[in-house]
């Protein structure tokens, strides 16, 4: 796990998630812009698409 997070300080995200009944927090090794380039880009996008598929209703069976 990375010691720094590009979007939100890890400690803040974990504290906020701890207050929620259902939360998802993902950490990635890298700096602020690393999620926008490979090799991290593919992993981040895949995680985002999985999250949307699980949590956003589409009306499809």
PDB file of N, CA and C in Angstrom:
ATOM      1  N   UNK A   1       0.840  -1.181   0.000  1.00  0.00           N
ATOM      2  CA  UNK A   1       0.000   0.000   0.000  1.00  0.00           C
ATOM      3  C   UNK A   1       0.881   1.240   0.000  1.00  0.00           C
ATOM      4  N   UNK A   2       0.406   2.231  -0.685  1.00  0.00           N
ATOM      5  CA  UNK A   2       1.160   3.464  -0.801  1.00  0.00           C
ATOM      6  C   UNK A   2       1.078   4.269   0.487  1.00  0.00           C
ATOM      7  N   UNK A   3       2.156   4.988   0.772  1.00  0.00           N
ATOM      8  CA  UNK A   3       2.139   5.843   1.942  1.00  0.00           C
ATOM      9  C   UNK A   3       1.460   7.177   1.639  1.00  0.00           C
ATOM     10  N   UNK A   4       1.386   7.555   0.341  1.00  0.00           N
ATOM     11  CA  UNK A   4       0.666   8.766  -0.019  1.00  0.00           C
ATOM     12  C   UNK A   4      -0.416   8.406  -1.032  1.00  0.00           C
ATOM     13  N   UNK A   5      -1.395   9.234  -1.083  1.00  0.00           N
ATOM     14  CA  UNK A   5      -2.503   9.010  -2.000  1.00  0.00           C
ATOM     15  C   UNK A   5      -2.634  10.228  -2.899  1.00  0.00           C
ATOM     16  N   UNK A   6      -2.937  10.006  -4.163  1.00  0.00           N
ATOM     17  CA  UNK A   6      -3.001  11.098  -5.112  1.00  0.00           C
ATOM     18  C   UNK A   6      -4.248  11.957  -4.993  1.00  0.00           C
ATOM     19  N   UNK A   7      -5.313  11.436  -4.459  1.00  0.00           N
ATOM     20  CA  UNK A   7      -6.571  12.177  -4.448  1.00  0.00           C
ATOM     21  C   UNK A   7      -6.929  12.678  -3.061  1.00  0.00           C
ATOM     22  N   UNK A   8      -6.978  11.813  -2.133  1.00  0.00           N
ATOM     23  CA  UNK A   8      -7.376  12.135  -0.767  1.00  0.00           C
ATOM     24  C   UNK A   8      -6.353  11.524   0.169  1.00  0.00           C
ATOM     25  N   UNK A   9      -5.936  12.250   1.196  1.00  0.00           N
ATOM     26  CA  UNK A   9      -5.020  11.615   2.148  1.00  0.00           C
ATOM     27  C   UNK A   9      -5.620  10.306   2.659  1.00  0.00           C
ATOM     28  N   UNK A  10      -4.815   9.286   2.672  1.00  0.00           N
ATOM     29  CA  UNK A  10      -5.290   7.956   3.030  1.00  0.00           C
ATOM     30  C   UNK A  10      -5.998   7.938   4.375  1.00  0.00           C
ATOM     31  N   UNK A  11      -5.428   8.604   5.348  1.00  0.00           N
ATOM     32  CA  UNK A  11      -6.006   8.637   6.691  1.00  0.00           C
ATOM     33  C   UNK A  11      -7.416   9.215   6.659  1.00  0.00           C
ATOM     34  N   UNK A  12      -7.621  10.274   5.884  1.00  0.00           N
ATOM     35  CA  UNK A  12      -8.930  10.920   5.789  1.00  0.00           C
ATOM     36  C   UNK A  12      -9.941   9.970   5.141  1.00  0.00           C
ATOM     37  N   UNK A  13      -9.541   9.311   4.055  1.00  0.00           N
ATOM     38  CA  UNK A  13     -10.448   8.379   3.374  1.00  0.00           C
ATOM     39  C   UNK A  13     -10.823   7.209   4.277  1.00  0.00           C
ATOM     40  N   UNK A  14      -9.844   6.678   4.993  1.00  0.00           N
ATOM     41  CA  UNK A  14     -10.127   5.541   5.870  1.00  0.00           C
ATOM     42  C   UNK A  14     -11.015   5.954   7.046  1.00  0.00           C
ATOM     43  N   UNK A  15     -10.818   7.146   7.581  1.00  0.00           N
ATOM     44  CA  UNK A  15     -11.683   7.626   8.667  1.00  0.00           C
ATOM     45  C   UNK A  15     -13.112   7.818   8.174  1.00  0.00           C
ATOM     46  N   UNK A  16     -13.268   8.422   7.015  1.00  0.00           N
ATOM     47  CA  UNK A  16     -14.612   8.635   6.462  1.00  0.00           C
ATOM     48  C   UNK A  16     -15.284   7.301   6.171  1.00  0.00           C
ATOM     49  N   UNK A  17     -14.548   6.361   5.595  1.00  0.00           N
ATOM     50  CA  UNK A  17     -15.108   5.037   5.290  1.00  0.00           C
ATOM     51  C   UNK A  17     -15.534   4.326   6.565  1.00  0.00           C
ATOM     52  N   UNK A  18     -14.802   4.537   7.636  1.00  0.00           N
ATOM     53  CA  UNK A  18     -15.143   3.914   8.910  1.00  0.00           C
ATOM     54  C   UNK A  18     -16.467   4.396   9.482  1.00  0.00           C
ATOM     55  N   UNK A  19     -16.939   5.537   9.021  1.00  0.00           N
ATOM     56  CA  UNK A  19     -18.208   6.085   9.492  1.00  0.00           C
ATOM     57  C   UNK A  19     -19.394   5.606   8.657  1.00  0.00           C
ATOM     58  N   UNK A  20     -19.118   4.907   7.563  1.00  0.00           N
ATOM     59  CA  UNK A  20     -20.172   4.467   6.656  1.00  0.00           C
ATOM     60  C   UNK A  20     -20.476   2.992   6.839  1.00  0.00           C
ATOM     61  N   UNK A  21     -21.725   2.628   6.575  1.00  0.00           N
ATOM     62  CA  UNK A  21     -22.084   1.217   6.706  1.00  0.00           C
ATOM     63  C   UNK A  21     -21.546   0.398   5.534  1.00  0.00           C
ATOM     64  N   UNK A  22     -21.472   1.014   4.363  1.00  0.00           N
ATOM     65  CA  UNK A  22     -20.908   0.343   3.177  1.00  0.00           C
ATOM     66  C   UNK A  22     -19.973   1.322   2.494  1.00  0.00           C
ATOM     67  N   UNK A  23     -18.701   1.010   2.471  1.00  0.00           N
ATOM     68  CA  UNK A  23     -17.723   1.909   1.858  1.00  0.00           C
ATOM     69  C   UNK A  23     -16.700   1.102   1.077  1.00  0.00           C
ATOM     70  N   UNK A  24     -16.144   1.735   0.068  1.00  0.00           N
ATOM     71  CA  UNK A  24     -15.071   1.137  -0.705  1.00  0.00           C
ATOM     72  C   UNK A  24     -13.907   2.120  -0.736  1.00  0.00           C
ATOM     73  N   UNK A  25     -12.757   1.681  -0.298  1.00  0.00           N
ATOM     74  CA  UNK A  25     -11.545   2.496  -0.366  1.00  0.00           C
ATOM     75  C   UNK A  25     -10.493   1.655  -1.059  1.00  0.00           C
ATOM     76  N   UNK A  26      -9.925   2.190  -2.102  1.00  0.00           N
ATOM     77  CA  UNK A  26      -8.840   1.512  -2.811  1.00  0.00           C
ATOM     78  C   UNK A  26      -7.592   2.368  -2.678  1.00  0.00           C
ATOM     79  N   UNK A  27      -6.475   1.720  -2.442  1.00  0.00           N
ATOM     80  CA  UNK A  27      -5.195   2.425  -2.399  1.00  0.00           C
ATOM     81  C   UNK A  27      -4.304   1.866  -3.498  1.00  0.00           C
ATOM     82  N   UNK A  28      -3.531   2.748  -4.086  1.00  0.00           N
ATOM     83  CA  UNK A  28      -2.622   2.375  -5.166  1.00  0.00           C
ATOM     84  C   UNK A  28      -1.253   2.980  -4.877  1.00  0.00           C
ATOM     85  N   UNK A  29      -0.230   2.210  -5.165  1.00  0.00           N
ATOM     86  CA  UNK A  29       1.129   2.719  -5.015  1.00  0.00           C
ATOM     87  C   UNK A  29       1.392   3.714  -6.137  1.00  0.00           C
ATOM     88  N   UNK A  30       1.832   4.890  -5.796  1.00  0.00           N
ATOM     89  CA  UNK A  30       2.148   5.874  -6.822  1.00  0.00           C
ATOM     90  C   UNK A  30       1.875   7.282  -6.354  1.00  0.00           C
ATOM     91  N   UNK A  31       2.183   8.203  -7.226  1.00  0.00           N
ATOM     92  CA  UNK A  31       1.992   9.608  -6.939  1.00  0.00           C
ATOM     93  C   UNK A  31       0.698  10.138  -7.529  1.00  0.00           C
ATOM     94  N   UNK A  32       0.553  11.445  -7.497  1.00  0.00           N
ATOM     95  CA  UNK A  32      -0.692  12.109  -7.875  1.00  0.00           C
ATOM     96  C   UNK A  32      -1.129  11.810  -9.311  1.00  0.00           C
ATOM     97  N   UNK A  33      -0.227  11.833 -10.270  1.00  0.00           N
ATOM     98  CA  UNK A  33      -0.599  11.653 -11.668  1.00  0.00           C
ATOM     99  C   UNK A  33      -0.459  10.219 -12.163  1.00  0.00           C
ATOM    100  N   UNK A  34       0.065   9.322 -11.355  1.00  0.00           N
ATOM    101  CA  UNK A  34       0.290   7.942 -11.784  1.00  0.00           C
ATOM    102  C   UNK A  34      -0.971   7.202 -12.234  1.00  0.00           C
ATOM    103  N   UNK A  35      -2.149   7.472 -11.686  1.00  0.00           N
ATOM    104  CA  UNK A  35      -3.340   6.765 -12.163  1.00  0.00           C
ATOM    105  C   UNK A  35      -3.707   7.084 -13.617  1.00  0.00           C
ATOM    106  N   UNK A  36      -3.110   8.122 -14.184  1.00  0.00           N
ATOM    107  CA  UNK A  36      -3.454   8.527 -15.550  1.00  0.00           C
ATOM    108  C   UNK A  36      -2.557   7.899 -16.614  1.00  0.00           C
ATOM    109  N   UNK A  37      -1.555   7.134 -16.183  1.00  0.00           N
ATOM    110  CA  UNK A  37      -0.630   6.499 -17.130  1.00  0.00           C
ATOM    111  C   UNK A  37      -0.413   5.048 -16.727  1.00  0.00           C
ATOM    112  N   UNK A  38      -0.014   4.243 -17.699  1.00  0.00           N
ATOM    113  CA  UNK A  38       0.302   2.847 -17.400  1.00  0.00           C
ATOM    114  C   UNK A  38       1.568   2.793 -16.560  1.00  0.00           C
ATOM    115  N   UNK A  39       1.683   1.778 -15.739  1.00  0.00           N
ATOM    116  CA  UNK A  39       0.846   0.591 -15.665  1.00  0.00           C
ATOM    117  C   UNK A  39      -0.364   0.728 -14.731  1.00  0.00           C
ATOM    118  N   UNK A  40      -0.474   1.812 -14.015  1.00  0.00           N
ATOM    119  CA  UNK A  40      -1.550   1.958 -13.031  1.00  0.00           C
ATOM    120  C   UNK A  40      -2.900   2.272 -13.673  1.00  0.00           C
ATOM    121  N   UNK A  41      -2.906   2.950 -14.814  1.00  0.00           N
ATOM    122  CA  UNK A  41      -4.141   3.394 -15.452  1.00  0.00           C
ATOM    123  C   UNK A  41      -5.138   2.254 -15.647  1.00  0.00           C
ATOM    124  N   UNK A  42      -4.697   1.144 -16.209  1.00  0.00           N
ATOM    125  CA  UNK A  42      -5.600   0.018 -16.482  1.00  0.00           C
ATOM    126  C   UNK A  42      -6.224  -0.536 -15.210  1.00  0.00           C
ATOM    127  N   UNK A  43      -5.451  -0.625 -14.150  1.00  0.00           N
ATOM    128  CA  UNK A  43      -5.960  -1.153 -12.884  1.00  0.00           C
ATOM    129  C   UNK A  43      -6.996  -0.214 -12.278  1.00  0.00           C
ATOM    130  N   UNK A  44      -6.727   1.074 -12.306  1.00  0.00           N
ATOM    131  CA  UNK A  44      -7.651   2.053 -11.728  1.00  0.00           C
ATOM    132  C   UNK A  44      -8.965   2.073 -12.512  1.00  0.00           C
ATOM    133  N   UNK A  45      -8.879   2.096 -13.840  1.00  0.00           N
ATOM    134  CA  UNK A  45     -10.091   2.107 -14.662  1.00  0.00           C
ATOM    135  C   UNK A  45     -10.903   0.832 -14.449  1.00  0.00           C
ATOM    136  N   UNK A  46     -10.238  -0.314 -14.389  1.00  0.00           N
ATOM    137  CA  UNK A  46     -10.949  -1.574 -14.154  1.00  0.00           C
ATOM    138  C   UNK A  46     -11.676  -1.541 -12.810  1.00  0.00           C
ATOM    139  N   UNK A  47     -11.021  -1.020 -11.772  1.00  0.00           N
ATOM    140  CA  UNK A  47     -11.664  -0.915 -10.457  1.00  0.00           C
ATOM    141  C   UNK A  47     -12.859   0.035 -10.505  1.00  0.00           C
ATOM    142  N   UNK A  48     -12.725   1.146 -11.225  1.00  0.00           N
ATOM    143  CA  UNK A  48     -13.838   2.095 -11.333  1.00  0.00           C
ATOM    144  C   UNK A  48     -15.022   1.474 -12.069  1.00  0.00           C
ATOM    145  N   UNK A  49     -14.758   0.767 -13.152  1.00  0.00           N
ATOM    146  CA  UNK A  49     -15.835   0.125 -13.904  1.00  0.00           C
ATOM    147  C   UNK A  49     -16.517  -0.962 -13.084  1.00  0.00           C
ATOM    148  N   UNK A  50     -15.744  -1.724 -12.327  1.00  0.00           N
ATOM    149  CA  UNK A  50     -16.333  -2.742 -11.446  1.00  0.00           C
ATOM    150  C   UNK A  50     -17.238  -2.093 -10.404  1.00  0.00           C
ATOM    151  N   UNK A  51     -16.787  -0.974  -9.834  1.00  0.00           N
ATOM    152  CA  UNK A  51     -17.572  -0.269  -8.831  1.00  0.00           C
ATOM    153  C   UNK A  51     -18.896   0.213  -9.425  1.00  0.00           C
ATOM    154  N   UNK A  52     -18.832   0.840 -10.593  1.00  0.00           N
ATOM    155  CA  UNK A  52     -20.046   1.336 -11.238  1.00  0.00           C
ATOM    156  C   UNK A  52     -20.995   0.187 -11.571  1.00  0.00           C
ATOM    157  N   UNK A  53     -20.452  -0.894 -12.115  1.00  0.00           N
ATOM    158  CA  UNK A  53     -21.306  -2.041 -12.465  1.00  0.00           C
ATOM    159  C   UNK A  53     -22.010  -2.610 -11.243  1.00  0.00           C
ATOM    160  N   UNK A  54     -21.357  -2.563 -10.100  1.00  0.00           N
ATOM    161  CA  UNK A  54     -21.931  -3.119  -8.879  1.00  0.00           C
ATOM    162  C   UNK A  54     -22.942  -2.179  -8.217  1.00  0.00           C
ATOM    163  N   UNK A  55     -22.727  -0.881  -8.320  1.00  0.00           N
ATOM    164  CA  UNK A  55     -23.499   0.068  -7.513  1.00  0.00           C
ATOM    165  C   UNK A  55     -24.462   0.971  -8.269  1.00  0.00           C
ATOM    166  N   UNK A  56     -24.381   1.023  -9.593  1.00  0.00           N
ATOM    167  CA  UNK A  56     -25.246   1.903 -10.350  1.00  0.00           C
ATOM    168  C   UNK A  56     -26.275   1.075 -11.094  1.00  0.00           C
ATOM    169  N   UNK A  57     -27.543   1.220 -10.743  1.00  0.00           N
ATOM    170  CA  UNK A  57     -28.583   0.425 -11.417  1.00  0.00           C
ATOM    171  C   UNK A  57     -28.731   0.859 -12.885  1.00  0.00           C
ATOM    172  N   UNK A  58     -28.839  -0.135 -13.742  1.00  0.00           N
ATOM    173  CA  UNK A  58     -28.992   0.156 -15.170  1.00  0.00           C
ATOM    174  C   UNK A  58     -30.354  -0.250 -15.686  1.00  0.00           C
ATOM    175  N   UNK A  59     -31.126  -0.976 -14.899  1.00  0.00           N
ATOM    176  CA  UNK A  59     -32.417  -1.451 -15.350  1.00  0.00           C
ATOM    177  C   UNK A  59     -32.350  -2.723 -16.162  1.00  0.00           C
ATOM    178  N   UNK A  60     -31.136  -3.213 -16.356  1.00  0.00           N
ATOM    179  CA  UNK A  60     -30.960  -4.471 -17.101  1.00  0.00           C
ATOM    180  C   UNK A  60     -30.925  -5.646 -16.145  1.00  0.00           C
ATOM    181  N   UNK A  61     -31.435  -6.767 -16.603  1.00  0.00           N
ATOM    182  CA  UNK A  61     -31.478  -7.965 -15.765  1.00  0.00           C
ATOM    183  C   UNK A  61     -30.104  -8.575 -15.616  1.00  0.00           C
TER     184      UNK A  61
END
